[in-house]
Amino acid sequence: MSAYKTLPTRKPFASVKSILSRVLKSRLPSAVQICVKKAGETVFSEAYGNIGWDGQYFPANPLTLFDFSDLTQVFTAAALMRLVDYEIIQVDDPVCAVLREFSGPRPVQSSGMPAETGSLAAPAFPNSETADAAGITFRQLLRHSSGIQSRQKLYQQKSPCSAKHSLLGSGFQFMPDSDVQPSDSAYMLIGWAIETLCKTDLSTAMDQLVLKPLNLTDISFRPLDPQQNVPLPLPEEGIAPTLDSVWRHRRLRGEVYDRNSAFFGGVCGHAGLFGTADELAAFGEAFLSGSDFLKAESLFAMTHIQTAETGDGAPFGLGFQLWSADPAGSFAPLSSESFGFAGSNGIHLLIDPMRDLVIAFLTNESMNGGGTLLINALYPKMIRSILRSL
């Protein structure tokens, strides 16, 4: 008999599961879903938690749909870049060439703002109290440097029509190209531009430009019926719930959490997509070497620096956030070539081309009204645990 004892078998991703258990015990989200793809293979795909409420227990599973929230922006950017590849539009074309109303001098909240150290080139409209919207390009919208006022409460307007008119005529938060600040408003404009260019609604355009070419059948917008204000299509029981305690004052299931998107019927360039972690990871693979989803020039522009670092230390490509050394950020454990999107409510898509790795993480954190700081603090540890398990 051998004097050597058999070493215990290492359980891959055991530490990741432990971290996810901590997330759920925090009672911030009620459910989470994760998918890790390495070299084209799914190496970890799990769902945890409960998507029921009021004492009901419906366990989350890999087919449970989650609200993608502001991660929708990356899909919108990809759709526009497909139009660039088709030579229907160019990234440096003025937005007013498509959205004619987005033109003319506008006030800037803080006029004459100096460019920050390491930021983009000198402001396009220096030392002026106004900026002309006619000079704003799609590139500026995509990289969040346009200066257009972000996160406007458009849902408080009288109608979607008046809200759209208000956004098209809104002023600037900072001088164009003098700063970089993530802007929902910019991606709402891009969504409307795509509809104009494709002569159809954004949901149909997204299907044709992104979802069908990548065979993503579980990702879609969920348009709201304006008469009944309920999500279509059903069933609802397979969707992780969220909670809007500010505007709608109720729990939501299959209805987009973002209030501006909901006001516009659930189909917007900045928010509105629902889907699974498995298919989100498959979407991420479209930006790795060997994919023919985009032309090389468009792929490079999306995944390489187009801006200075923002206040939180995350530079942008066109649509994608890029790697940052910030130790508190999700990207820090990955290689410096990494890119993706760390959403405001805990939704993450991380792509590391050096490792041929994609990590997709979904959560319904907004079900409990906030608290992403605790969840976000766990991300670097979870990413490191994933890397150790590979």
Protein backbone atom coordinates (compact mmCIF):
# COMPACT_ATOMS: atom_id res chain seq x y z
CA MET A 1 0.00 0.00 0.00
CA SER A 2 1.39 3.38 -0.92
CA ALA A 3 2.57 5.60 1.89
CA TYR A 4 1.36 8.63 -0.05
CA LYS A 5 -2.13 9.93 0.48
CA THR A 6 -4.21 11.05 -2.48
CA LEU A 7 -4.38 14.84 -2.62
CA PRO A 8 -7.89 16.30 -2.47
CA THR A 9 -9.29 17.22 -5.87
CA ARG A 10 -9.45 20.98 -6.38
CA LYS A 11 -12.98 22.16 -7.04
CA PRO A 12 -12.89 24.71 -9.86
CA PHE A 13 -14.69 27.99 -9.16
CA ALA A 14 -15.46 27.00 -5.54
CA SER A 15 -14.24 30.38 -4.30
CA VAL A 16 -16.33 32.13 -6.96
CA LYS A 17 -19.42 30.32 -5.72
CA SER A 18 -18.57 31.38 -2.16
CA ILE A 19 -18.36 35.03 -3.22
CA LEU A 20 -21.69 34.82 -5.05
CA SER A 21 -23.23 33.34 -1.91
CA ARG A 22 -22.01 36.39 0.00
CA VAL A 23 -23.59 38.66 -2.61
CA LEU A 24 -26.95 36.97 -2.21
CA LYS A 25 -26.73 36.94 1.59
CA SER A 26 -26.23 40.71 1.44
CA ARG A 27 -29.86 40.83 0.25
CA LEU A 28 -28.98 43.46 -2.37
CA PRO A 29 -29.84 41.38 -5.43
CA SER A 30 -32.19 38.44 -5.11
CA ALA A 31 -30.58 36.60 -8.04
CA VAL A 32 -27.33 36.47 -10.00
CA GLN A 33 -26.20 34.77 -13.18
CA ILE A 34 -22.66 34.25 -14.44
CA CYS A 35 -21.01 32.80 -17.53
CA VAL A 36 -17.29 32.42 -18.16
CA LYS A 37 -16.02 31.50 -21.63
CA LYS A 38 -12.41 30.57 -22.29
CA ALA A 39 -11.06 29.95 -25.80
CA GLY A 40 -14.57 29.52 -27.15
CA GLU A 41 -15.65 27.04 -24.48
CA THR A 42 -18.04 27.65 -21.60
CA VAL A 43 -16.06 26.75 -18.47
CA PHE A 44 -18.47 28.08 -15.85
CA SER A 45 -22.17 28.91 -16.15
CA GLU A 46 -24.37 29.17 -13.09
CA ALA A 47 -27.39 31.00 -11.71
CA TYR A 48 -28.25 31.51 -8.05
CA GLY A 49 -31.01 33.04 -6.01
CA ASN A 50 -34.75 33.55 -6.12
CA ILE A 51 -36.72 35.46 -8.75
CA GLY A 52 -40.02 35.14 -6.89
CA TRP A 53 -41.44 37.57 -4.35
CA ASP A 54 -43.97 37.72 -1.50
CA GLY A 55 -42.93 34.33 -0.23
CA GLN A 56 -42.81 32.71 -3.67
CA TYR A 57 -39.71 30.76 -4.58
CA PHE A 58 -38.70 30.56 -8.22
CA PRO A 59 -35.02 29.57 -8.43
CA ALA A 60 -32.96 31.47 -10.98
CA ASN A 61 -31.48 29.32 -13.73
CA PRO A 62 -29.22 29.91 -16.75
CA LEU A 63 -32.27 30.71 -18.91
CA THR A 64 -33.59 33.42 -16.56
CA LEU A 65 -33.73 36.80 -18.32
CA PHE A 66 -32.16 39.85 -16.67
CA ASP A 67 -32.50 43.54 -17.43
CA PHE A 68 -29.24 44.57 -19.13
CA SER A 69 -29.80 48.18 -18.07
CA ASP A 70 -27.08 50.57 -19.36
CA LEU A 71 -25.04 47.71 -20.82
CA THR A 72 -27.53 48.08 -23.71
CA GLN A 73 -25.24 50.91 -24.84
CA VAL A 74 -22.56 48.47 -26.01
CA PHE A 75 -25.08 46.72 -28.28
CA THR A 76 -26.19 50.11 -29.64
CA ALA A 77 -22.57 51.03 -30.33
CA ALA A 78 -22.06 47.71 -32.13
CA ALA A 79 -25.18 48.33 -34.24
CA LEU A 80 -23.90 51.75 -35.31
CA MET A 81 -20.46 50.36 -36.12
CA ARG A 82 -22.11 47.76 -38.34
CA LEU A 83 -23.68 50.63 -40.26
CA VAL A 84 -20.21 52.18 -40.50
CA ASP A 85 -18.93 48.91 -41.96
CA TYR A 86 -21.79 48.98 -44.47
CA GLU A 87 -20.65 52.56 -45.37
CA ILE A 88 -24.07 53.95 -44.52
CA ILE A 89 -22.57 56.37 -41.98
CA GLN A 90 -19.13 57.40 -40.76
CA VAL A 91 -18.19 57.88 -37.11
CA ASP A 92 -16.99 61.42 -37.79
CA ASP A 93 -20.19 62.47 -39.55
CA PRO A 94 -22.15 65.17 -37.69
CA VAL A 95 -25.15 63.87 -35.78
CA CYS A 96 -27.30 66.61 -37.35
CA ALA A 97 -26.82 64.97 -40.75
CA VAL A 98 -29.20 62.28 -39.47
CA LEU A 99 -31.06 64.05 -36.65
CA ARG A 100 -31.63 67.48 -38.18
CA GLU A 101 -33.14 68.94 -35.01
CA PHE A 102 -29.86 68.39 -33.16
CA SER A 103 -28.29 71.61 -34.41
CA GLY A 104 -27.65 75.18 -33.40
CA PRO A 105 -25.95 77.03 -30.51
CA ARG A 106 -26.66 75.68 -27.03
CA PRO A 107 -25.71 76.97 -23.57
CA VAL A 108 -22.93 75.25 -21.64
CA GLN A 109 -23.46 74.93 -17.91
CA SER A 110 -19.83 75.66 -17.14
CA SER A 111 -18.49 77.78 -20.00
CA GLY A 112 -14.82 77.96 -20.76
CA MET A 113 -14.05 74.76 -18.85
CA PRO A 114 -10.36 74.00 -19.35
CA ALA A 115 -9.34 70.63 -20.69
CA GLU A 116 -8.11 68.35 -17.90
CA THR A 117 -4.63 66.96 -17.89
CA GLY A 118 -4.33 64.13 -20.36
CA SER A 119 -7.78 64.72 -21.81
CA LEU A 120 -8.75 64.96 -25.45
CA ALA A 121 -7.56 67.69 -27.78
CA ALA A 122 -8.45 71.30 -27.07
CA PRO A 123 -12.20 71.97 -26.88
CA ALA A 124 -13.90 72.41 -30.23
CA PHE A 125 -15.58 75.59 -28.95
CA PRO A 126 -12.99 77.32 -26.70
CA ASN A 127 -13.75 80.25 -24.43
CA SER A 128 -17.41 80.43 -25.33
CA GLU A 129 -20.62 80.28 -23.36
CA THR A 130 -22.31 78.27 -26.07
CA ALA A 131 -21.50 75.27 -28.23
CA ASP A 132 -23.04 74.45 -31.57
CA ALA A 133 -24.70 71.04 -31.62
CA ALA A 134 -24.11 70.95 -35.39
CA GLY A 135 -20.44 70.24 -34.66
CA ILE A 136 -21.09 67.11 -32.59
CA THR A 137 -20.13 63.84 -34.28
CA PHE A 138 -21.12 60.24 -33.72
CA ARG A 139 -17.60 59.55 -32.48
CA GLN A 140 -18.12 62.06 -29.68
CA LEU A 141 -21.42 60.46 -28.70
CA LEU A 142 -19.92 56.97 -28.74
CA ARG A 143 -16.97 57.91 -26.53
CA HIS A 144 -19.02 60.10 -24.14
CA SER A 145 -17.14 63.31 -24.93
CA SER A 146 -19.96 65.29 -26.61
CA GLY A 147 -20.81 67.24 -23.46
CA ILE A 148 -24.56 66.76 -23.90
CA GLN A 149 -26.43 66.77 -20.60
CA SER A 150 -26.64 63.22 -19.26
CA ARG A 151 -29.26 61.36 -17.23
CA GLN A 152 -32.03 63.84 -17.85
CA LYS A 153 -35.39 63.05 -16.25
CA LEU A 154 -37.23 62.88 -19.54
CA TYR A 155 -39.90 60.62 -18.04
CA GLN A 156 -41.25 63.70 -16.24
CA GLN A 157 -42.20 65.31 -19.55
CA LYS A 158 -45.81 65.38 -20.77
CA SER A 159 -45.25 62.87 -23.58
CA PRO A 160 -42.49 60.90 -25.32
CA CYS A 161 -42.77 63.31 -28.24
CA SER A 162 -42.12 66.36 -26.06
CA ALA A 163 -39.34 64.50 -24.23
CA LYS A 164 -37.58 63.67 -27.51
CA HIS A 165 -37.89 67.27 -28.65
CA SER A 166 -36.45 68.38 -25.30
CA LEU A 167 -33.42 66.09 -25.59
CA LEU A 168 -32.73 67.07 -29.20
CA GLY A 169 -32.71 70.71 -28.08
CA SER A 170 -30.90 70.30 -24.76
CA GLY A 171 -27.79 72.20 -23.76
CA PHE A 172 -24.32 70.99 -22.81
CA GLN A 173 -22.97 69.83 -19.48
CA PHE A 174 -19.40 70.67 -20.46
CA MET A 175 -17.56 71.95 -23.50
CA PRO A 176 -17.39 69.19 -26.15
CA ASP A 177 -14.16 67.20 -25.96
CA SER A 178 -13.04 68.91 -22.73
CA ASP A 179 -14.12 66.00 -20.54
CA VAL A 180 -15.48 62.46 -20.64
CA GLN A 181 -18.62 61.58 -18.68
CA PRO A 182 -20.87 58.58 -19.37
CA SER A 183 -24.10 59.85 -20.92
CA ASP A 184 -27.38 58.02 -21.35
CA SER A 185 -28.55 60.96 -23.46
CA ALA A 186 -25.80 60.37 -26.03
CA TYR A 187 -26.92 56.79 -26.58
CA MET A 188 -30.56 57.77 -26.82
CA LEU A 189 -29.52 60.00 -29.73
CA ILE A 190 -27.55 57.15 -31.31
CA GLY A 191 -30.58 54.88 -31.02
CA TRP A 192 -32.79 57.41 -32.79
CA ALA A 193 -30.14 57.89 -35.47
CA ILE A 194 -30.06 54.13 -36.10
CA GLU A 195 -33.84 54.12 -36.48
CA THR A 196 -33.63 56.97 -39.01
CA LEU A 197 -30.83 55.34 -40.98
CA CYS A 198 -32.51 51.91 -41.03
CA LYS A 199 -36.03 53.31 -41.52
CA THR A 200 -37.37 51.01 -38.80
CA ASP A 201 -37.64 50.80 -35.02
CA LEU A 202 -34.53 50.16 -32.94
CA SER A 203 -35.69 46.70 -31.87
CA THR A 204 -35.91 45.53 -35.49
CA ALA A 205 -32.64 47.23 -36.41
CA MET A 206 -30.87 45.61 -33.45
CA ASP A 207 -32.15 42.20 -34.55
CA GLN A 208 -30.90 42.70 -38.10
CA LEU A 209 -27.55 44.30 -37.28
CA VAL A 210 -26.43 42.49 -34.13
CA LEU A 211 -28.62 39.77 -32.65
CA LYS A 212 -29.41 37.62 -35.68
CA PRO A 213 -25.89 37.77 -37.18
CA LEU A 214 -24.56 36.49 -33.83
CA ASN A 215 -27.40 33.98 -33.38
CA LEU A 216 -28.46 35.55 -30.09
CA THR A 217 -32.04 34.37 -29.66
CA ASP A 218 -32.52 35.10 -25.95
CA ILE A 219 -31.50 38.77 -26.06
CA SER A 220 -34.14 41.32 -27.05
CA PHE A 221 -35.93 44.49 -26.16
CA ARG A 222 -39.24 44.01 -24.35
CA PRO A 223 -41.54 46.71 -25.79
CA LEU A 224 -44.23 47.99 -23.43
CA ASP A 225 -47.85 48.21 -24.42
CA PRO A 226 -48.64 51.95 -24.07
CA GLN A 227 -52.31 51.20 -23.36
CA GLN A 228 -51.84 48.68 -20.56
CA ASN A 229 -48.25 49.47 -19.50
CA VAL A 230 -47.42 45.77 -19.24
CA PRO A 231 -44.49 43.93 -20.80
CA LEU A 232 -44.91 41.99 -24.00
CA PRO A 233 -44.40 39.19 -24.70
CA LEU A 234 -45.10 36.98 -21.70
CA PRO A 235 -44.39 34.86 -19.67
CA GLU A 236 -43.05 36.95 -16.82
CA GLU A 237 -42.06 34.18 -14.43
CA GLY A 238 -38.76 33.56 -16.22
CA ILE A 239 -37.49 37.12 -15.67
CA ALA A 240 -35.60 38.48 -12.67
CA PRO A 241 -37.64 41.24 -10.99
CA THR A 242 -36.55 44.79 -10.20
CA LEU A 243 -38.10 47.62 -8.19
CA ASP A 244 -38.88 51.23 -9.09
CA SER A 245 -39.71 52.99 -5.82
CA VAL A 246 -39.39 56.50 -7.28
CA TRP A 247 -41.60 56.77 -10.37
CA ARG A 248 -43.76 53.68 -10.87
CA HIS A 249 -43.78 52.75 -7.17
CA ARG A 250 -43.96 49.02 -7.80
CA ARG A 251 -41.95 45.94 -8.55
CA LEU A 252 -41.21 45.22 -12.19
CA ARG A 253 -40.85 41.96 -14.05
CA GLY A 254 -39.93 42.06 -17.71
CA GLU A 255 -40.40 45.82 -17.76
CA VAL A 256 -37.24 47.86 -18.16
CA TYR A 257 -36.05 49.43 -14.92
CA ASP A 258 -34.62 52.57 -16.54
CA ARG A 259 -37.33 55.21 -16.31
CA ASN A 260 -36.45 57.12 -19.48
CA SER A 261 -36.42 53.91 -21.50
CA ALA A 262 -39.77 52.87 -20.01
CA PHE A 263 -41.22 56.29 -20.87
CA PHE A 264 -40.24 55.69 -24.50
CA GLY A 265 -41.84 52.23 -24.54
CA GLY A 266 -38.89 50.13 -23.41
CA VAL A 267 -36.85 50.46 -26.61
CA CYS A 268 -33.97 52.93 -26.36
CA GLY A 269 -30.31 53.13 -27.27
CA HIS A 270 -29.18 53.45 -23.66
CA ALA A 271 -31.31 50.80 -21.91
CA GLY A 272 -34.00 48.23 -22.63
CA LEU A 273 -32.37 44.94 -23.61
CA PHE A 274 -33.02 41.76 -21.62
CA GLY A 275 -31.11 38.52 -21.87
CA THR A 276 -28.96 35.83 -20.26
CA ALA A 277 -25.35 35.71 -19.15
CA ASP A 278 -24.64 32.86 -21.59
CA GLU A 279 -25.68 34.94 -24.58
CA LEU A 280 -24.07 38.09 -23.22
CA ALA A 281 -20.80 36.16 -23.09
CA ALA A 282 -21.39 34.94 -26.66
CA PHE A 283 -21.82 38.58 -27.68
CA GLY A 284 -18.50 39.36 -26.00
CA GLU A 285 -16.78 36.66 -28.08
CA ALA A 286 -17.69 38.61 -31.23
CA PHE A 287 -14.96 41.10 -30.29
CA LEU A 288 -12.16 38.55 -29.93
CA SER A 289 -9.64 37.51 -32.55
CA GLY A 290 -11.09 35.32 -35.28
CA SER A 291 -14.53 36.94 -35.31
CA ASP A 292 -15.74 38.56 -38.53
CA PHE A 293 -18.58 40.46 -36.86
CA LEU A 294 -16.88 43.82 -37.48
CA LYS A 295 -14.22 45.04 -39.84
CA ALA A 296 -10.78 45.36 -38.27
CA GLU A 297 -10.89 49.17 -38.21
CA SER A 298 -14.24 49.27 -36.41
CA LEU A 299 -13.17 46.59 -33.95
CA PHE A 300 -10.01 48.52 -33.14
CA ALA A 301 -11.93 51.78 -32.60
CA MET A 302 -14.37 50.12 -30.20
CA THR A 303 -11.72 48.34 -28.15
CA HIS A 304 -8.85 50.84 -28.00
CA ILE A 305 -8.58 54.19 -26.29
CA GLN A 306 -10.47 57.08 -27.85
CA THR A 307 -10.61 59.29 -24.77
CA ALA A 308 -8.78 60.42 -21.70
CA GLU A 309 -9.52 58.73 -18.42
CA THR A 310 -12.75 59.76 -16.74
CA GLY A 311 -13.02 60.86 -13.15
CA ASP A 312 -13.36 57.25 -12.01
CA GLY A 313 -10.28 56.20 -13.95
CA ALA A 314 -11.95 54.26 -16.77
CA PRO A 315 -11.01 55.28 -20.33
CA PHE A 316 -13.34 54.60 -23.26
CA GLY A 317 -13.16 53.21 -26.74
CA LEU A 318 -16.27 53.59 -28.89
CA GLY A 319 -18.92 52.07 -26.64
CA PHE A 320 -16.61 49.93 -24.54
CA GLN A 321 -14.92 50.86 -21.29
CA LEU A 322 -11.23 49.97 -21.31
CA TRP A 323 -8.78 48.56 -18.80
CA SER A 324 -7.86 50.69 -15.83
CA ALA A 325 -5.24 50.05 -13.14
CA ASP A 326 -7.64 51.22 -10.43
CA PRO A 327 -7.35 48.39 -7.85
CA ALA A 328 -10.97 48.90 -6.82
CA GLY A 329 -12.19 48.47 -10.39
CA SER A 330 -13.35 45.28 -12.06
CA PHE A 331 -10.80 45.47 -14.88
CA ALA A 332 -7.64 45.68 -12.74
CA PRO A 333 -7.03 41.90 -12.39
CA LEU A 334 -7.23 41.41 -16.17
CA SER A 335 -4.63 42.15 -18.84
CA SER A 336 -4.09 45.74 -19.97
CA GLU A 337 -5.72 44.96 -23.33
CA SER A 338 -9.05 44.16 -21.66
CA PHE A 339 -12.30 45.98 -22.37
CA GLY A 340 -15.98 45.61 -21.62
CA PHE A 341 -18.64 47.37 -19.58
CA ALA A 342 -19.15 47.67 -15.83
CA GLY A 343 -22.76 48.81 -15.52
CA SER A 344 -24.15 51.16 -12.90
CA ASN A 345 -26.27 48.42 -11.30
CA GLY A 346 -23.72 45.61 -11.16
CA ILE A 347 -24.19 44.25 -14.70
CA HIS A 348 -20.75 43.36 -16.12
CA LEU A 349 -19.23 42.21 -19.40
CA LEU A 350 -15.46 41.78 -19.26
CA ILE A 351 -13.39 40.71 -22.28
CA ASP A 352 -9.69 39.85 -22.03
CA PRO A 353 -8.25 39.16 -25.51
CA MET A 354 -4.85 38.19 -24.08
CA ARG A 355 -6.49 35.31 -22.22
CA ASP A 356 -9.19 34.65 -24.84
CA LEU A 357 -11.57 35.13 -21.93
CA VAL A 358 -15.09 36.53 -21.55
CA ILE A 359 -16.89 37.02 -18.23
CA ALA A 360 -20.59 37.97 -18.15
CA PHE A 361 -22.29 38.73 -14.85
CA LEU A 362 -25.95 39.69 -14.41
CA THR A 363 -27.81 40.72 -11.29
CA ASN A 364 -31.12 42.33 -10.34
CA GLU A 365 -29.48 44.56 -7.76
CA SER A 366 -32.09 47.29 -8.33
CA MET A 367 -34.70 44.93 -6.83
CA ASN A 368 -33.67 46.24 -3.42
CA GLY A 369 -33.21 49.88 -4.23
CA GLY A 370 -29.46 50.34 -4.42
CA GLY A 371 -26.31 49.32 -2.60
CA THR A 372 -24.04 48.54 -5.54
CA LEU A 373 -21.02 49.74 -3.56
CA LEU A 374 -20.96 46.48 -1.60
CA ILE A 375 -21.39 44.40 -4.74
CA ASN A 376 -18.81 46.38 -6.70
CA ALA A 377 -16.29 45.94 -3.91
CA LEU A 378 -16.49 42.18 -4.43
CA TYR A 379 -15.84 42.25 -8.19
CA PRO A 380 -12.01 42.45 -8.16
CA LYS A 381 -11.91 39.52 -5.72
CA MET A 382 -14.36 37.53 -7.83
CA ILE A 383 -12.38 38.18 -11.04
CA ARG A 384 -9.17 37.06 -9.35
CA SER A 385 -10.92 33.91 -8.15
CA ILE A 386 -12.08 33.20 -11.69
CA LEU A 387 -8.54 33.62 -13.03
CA ARG A 388 -7.18 31.23 -10.40
CA SER A 389 -9.79 28.63 -11.37
CA LEU A 390 -8.91 28.63 -15.07
